[in-house]
Structure formats: structure tokens, C-alpha cells
Amino acid sequence: MSNLSAITVHPEIQDGEPVFSGTRIRVETFCDFMRIGVSVSEFLNEFPSITRDQVMEVYDLVSQQHYSVDQIKAMAASSDMTPQPSFGRMYAA
């Protein structure tokens, strides 16, 4: 089972793109905000339905472990995939 509690992937929600669990806000939106220099606090102010824990989980994946949105989508959509943080890639379990 995936350890990504902050992320949901469902074909009927945002065309199957990864979203913050319990919302329709795409993970890609967060990545776009980070790219243009918006802080985590500013992002949370803009999207109050997302929790700090959710943002920090995604922030860690994107900023610290360098996962792409496509890799996050694959991890969240498949219970057979586990992240390998030391390599920044996914491998089948």
C-alpha cells in the first residue's frame, strides 16, 4: 500500500491527476507555485482546504527527494510501487 496519505489519484477527479486528498487541488498546482517562489505558508493561505501536513509530505517528495509529478502519480495510483528516496526513483515492490 502506498504511504502517500496526502495524495489521491482517481480517474474521475481532475482527469486522474494527483490531487491533495479530500480536495480537487492538483499537486502540479503546488509545484507551479513553488517554481515561482510562493512560500508554503502563502500556498496554504491560498488553499485553506489543504493541511500543512499534506503540503509538507508533497514538499518533501518534490523538493527533497526530487520526484516528478508523474512519479508521484504512479506511486499514489499503484499499491505495488514504493519510493526509494536514496535514488529519487520508484521500484516495483
C-alpha atoms as a PDB file:
ATOM      1  CA  MET A   1       0.000   0.000   0.000  1.00  0.00           C
ATOM      2  CA  SER A   2       1.209   3.482  -0.786  1.00  0.00           C
ATOM      3  CA  ASN A   3       2.435   5.696   2.045  1.00  0.00           C
ATOM      4  CA  LEU A   4       1.177   8.820   0.282  1.00  0.00           C
ATOM      5  CA  SER A   5      -1.718   9.796   2.517  1.00  0.00           C
ATOM      6  CA  ALA A   6      -1.641  13.397   1.287  1.00  0.00           C
ATOM      7  CA  ILE A   7      -2.281  12.461  -2.344  1.00  0.00           C
ATOM      8  CA  THR A   8      -5.224  10.904  -4.155  1.00  0.00           C
ATOM      9  CA  VAL A   9      -5.372   9.702  -7.750  1.00  0.00           C
ATOM     10  CA  HIS A  10      -8.793   8.830  -9.124  1.00  0.00           C
ATOM     11  CA  PRO A  11      -9.849   8.806 -12.783  1.00  0.00           C
ATOM     12  CA  GLU A  12     -12.944  10.901 -12.036  1.00  0.00           C
ATOM     13  CA  ILE A  13     -11.106  13.607 -10.098  1.00  0.00           C
ATOM     14  CA  GLN A  14      -9.144  16.135 -12.193  1.00  0.00           C
ATOM     15  CA  ASP A  15      -8.787  13.627 -15.054  1.00  0.00           C
ATOM     16  CA  GLY A  16      -6.789  11.234 -12.866  1.00  0.00           C
ATOM     17  CA  GLU A  17      -4.089  13.743 -11.984  1.00  0.00           C
ATOM     18  CA  PRO A  18      -2.698  13.596  -8.416  1.00  0.00           C
ATOM     19  CA  VAL A  19      -4.592  15.903  -6.058  1.00  0.00           C
ATOM     20  CA  PHE A  20      -4.322  16.690  -2.371  1.00  0.00           C
ATOM     21  CA  SER A  21      -6.543  14.154  -0.594  1.00  0.00           C
ATOM     22  CA  GLY A  22     -10.024  15.457   0.123  1.00  0.00           C
ATOM     23  CA  THR A  23      -9.683  18.252  -2.432  1.00  0.00           C
ATOM     24  CA  ARG A  24      -9.628  18.805  -6.179  1.00  0.00           C
ATOM     25  CA  ILE A  25      -6.393  20.806  -5.982  1.00  0.00           C
ATOM     26  CA  ARG A  26      -3.682  19.289  -8.154  1.00  0.00           C
ATOM     27  CA  VAL A  27      -0.228  18.522  -6.823  1.00  0.00           C
ATOM     28  CA  GLU A  28       1.015  20.137 -10.029  1.00  0.00           C
ATOM     29  CA  THR A  29      -0.524  23.432  -8.854  1.00  0.00           C
ATOM     30  CA  PHE A  30       1.619  23.260  -5.719  1.00  0.00           C
ATOM     31  CA  CYS A  31       4.712  22.533  -7.838  1.00  0.00           C
ATOM     32  CA  ASP A  32       3.917  25.505 -10.071  1.00  0.00           C
ATOM     33  CA  PHE A  33       3.564  27.774  -7.031  1.00  0.00           C
ATOM     34  CA  MET A  34       6.905  26.562  -5.656  1.00  0.00           C
ATOM     35  CA  ARG A  35       8.606  27.178  -9.019  1.00  0.00           C
ATOM     36  CA  ILE A  36       7.569  30.840  -8.995  1.00  0.00           C
ATOM     37  CA  GLY A  37       8.738  31.329  -5.414  1.00  0.00           C
ATOM     38  CA  VAL A  38       5.481  31.165  -3.433  1.00  0.00           C
ATOM     39  CA  SER A  39       6.116  30.003   0.136  1.00  0.00           C
ATOM     40  CA  VAL A  40       4.349  27.057   1.738  1.00  0.00           C
ATOM     41  CA  SER A  41       2.521  29.474   4.059  1.00  0.00           C
ATOM     42  CA  GLU A  42       1.311  31.572   1.129  1.00  0.00           C
ATOM     43  CA  PHE A  43       0.139  28.421  -0.668  1.00  0.00           C
ATOM     44  CA  LEU A  44      -1.782  27.317   2.436  1.00  0.00           C
ATOM     45  CA  ASN A  45      -3.392  30.761   2.692  1.00  0.00           C
ATOM     46  CA  GLU A  46      -4.492  30.460  -0.938  1.00  0.00           C
ATOM     47  CA  PHE A  47      -5.865  26.912  -0.467  1.00  0.00           C
ATOM     48  CA  PRO A  48      -7.162  26.592   3.120  1.00  0.00           C
ATOM     49  CA  SER A  49      -8.707  23.155   2.467  1.00  0.00           C
ATOM     50  CA  ILE A  50      -5.192  21.662   2.328  1.00  0.00           C
ATOM     51  CA  THR A  51      -3.464  20.888   5.624  1.00  0.00           C
ATOM     52  CA  ARG A  52       0.126  21.749   6.481  1.00  0.00           C
ATOM     53  CA  ASP A  53       0.875  18.020   6.870  1.00  0.00           C
ATOM     54  CA  GLN A  54      -0.361  17.348   3.336  1.00  0.00           C
ATOM     55  CA  VAL A  55       1.756  20.155   1.904  1.00  0.00           C
ATOM     56  CA  MET A  56       4.844  19.077   3.812  1.00  0.00           C
ATOM     57  CA  GLU A  57       4.504  15.483   2.580  1.00  0.00           C
ATOM     58  CA  VAL A  58       4.337  16.681  -1.027  1.00  0.00           C
ATOM     59  CA  TYR A  59       7.040  19.302  -0.453  1.00  0.00           C
ATOM     60  CA  ASP A  60       9.374  16.568   0.780  1.00  0.00           C
ATOM     61  CA  LEU A  61       8.705  14.414  -2.269  1.00  0.00           C
ATOM     62  CA  VAL A  62       9.188  17.255  -4.736  1.00  0.00           C
ATOM     63  CA  SER A  63      11.921  19.362  -3.133  1.00  0.00           C
ATOM     64  CA  GLN A  64      13.936  16.950  -1.043  1.00  0.00           C
ATOM     65  CA  GLN A  65      13.562  13.691  -2.961  1.00  0.00           C
ATOM     66  CA  HIS A  66      13.175  15.266  -6.422  1.00  0.00           C
ATOM     67  CA  TYR A  67      10.160  13.253  -7.557  1.00  0.00           C
ATOM     68  CA  SER A  68       8.301  14.491 -10.623  1.00  0.00           C
ATOM     69  CA  VAL A  69       4.516  14.827 -10.718  1.00  0.00           C
ATOM     70  CA  ASP A  70       4.423  11.747 -12.970  1.00  0.00           C
ATOM     71  CA  GLN A  71       6.400   9.707 -10.427  1.00  0.00           C
ATOM     72  CA  ILE A  72       4.125  10.880  -7.617  1.00  0.00           C
ATOM     73  CA  LYS A  73       1.095   9.952  -9.704  1.00  0.00           C
ATOM     74  CA  ALA A  74       2.461   6.454 -10.278  1.00  0.00           C
ATOM     75  CA  MET A  75       3.219   5.984  -6.571  1.00  0.00           C
ATOM     76  CA  ALA A  76      -0.181   7.219  -5.463  1.00  0.00           C
ATOM     77  CA  ALA A  77      -2.066   5.206  -8.085  1.00  0.00           C
ATOM     78  CA  SER A  78      -0.329   1.905  -7.514  1.00  0.00           C
ATOM     79  CA  SER A  79      -0.094  -0.085  -4.325  1.00  0.00           C
ATOM     80  CA  ASP A  80       2.786  -2.062  -5.874  1.00  0.00           C
ATOM     81  CA  MET A  81       5.159   0.900  -6.009  1.00  0.00           C
ATOM     82  CA  THR A  82       7.306   2.125  -3.143  1.00  0.00           C
ATOM     83  CA  PRO A  83       9.562   5.174  -3.185  1.00  0.00           C
ATOM     84  CA  GLN A  84      13.306   4.669  -3.000  1.00  0.00           C
ATOM     85  CA  PRO A  85      14.383   8.032  -1.527  1.00  0.00           C
ATOM     86  CA  SER A  86      18.103   7.384  -1.770  1.00  0.00           C
ATOM     87  CA  PHE A  87      17.805   7.067  -5.545  1.00  0.00           C
ATOM     88  CA  GLY A  88      14.925   9.508  -6.176  1.00  0.00           C
ATOM     89  CA  ARG A  89      13.166   6.819  -8.209  1.00  0.00           C
ATOM     90  CA  MET A  90      10.472   4.189  -7.829  1.00  0.00           C
ATOM     91  CA  TYR A  91      10.901   0.443  -7.977  1.00  0.00           C
ATOM     92  CA  ALA A  92       8.312  -2.327  -8.042  1.00  0.00           C
ATOM     93  CA  ALA A  93       7.869  -3.939  -4.650  1.00  0.00           C
END
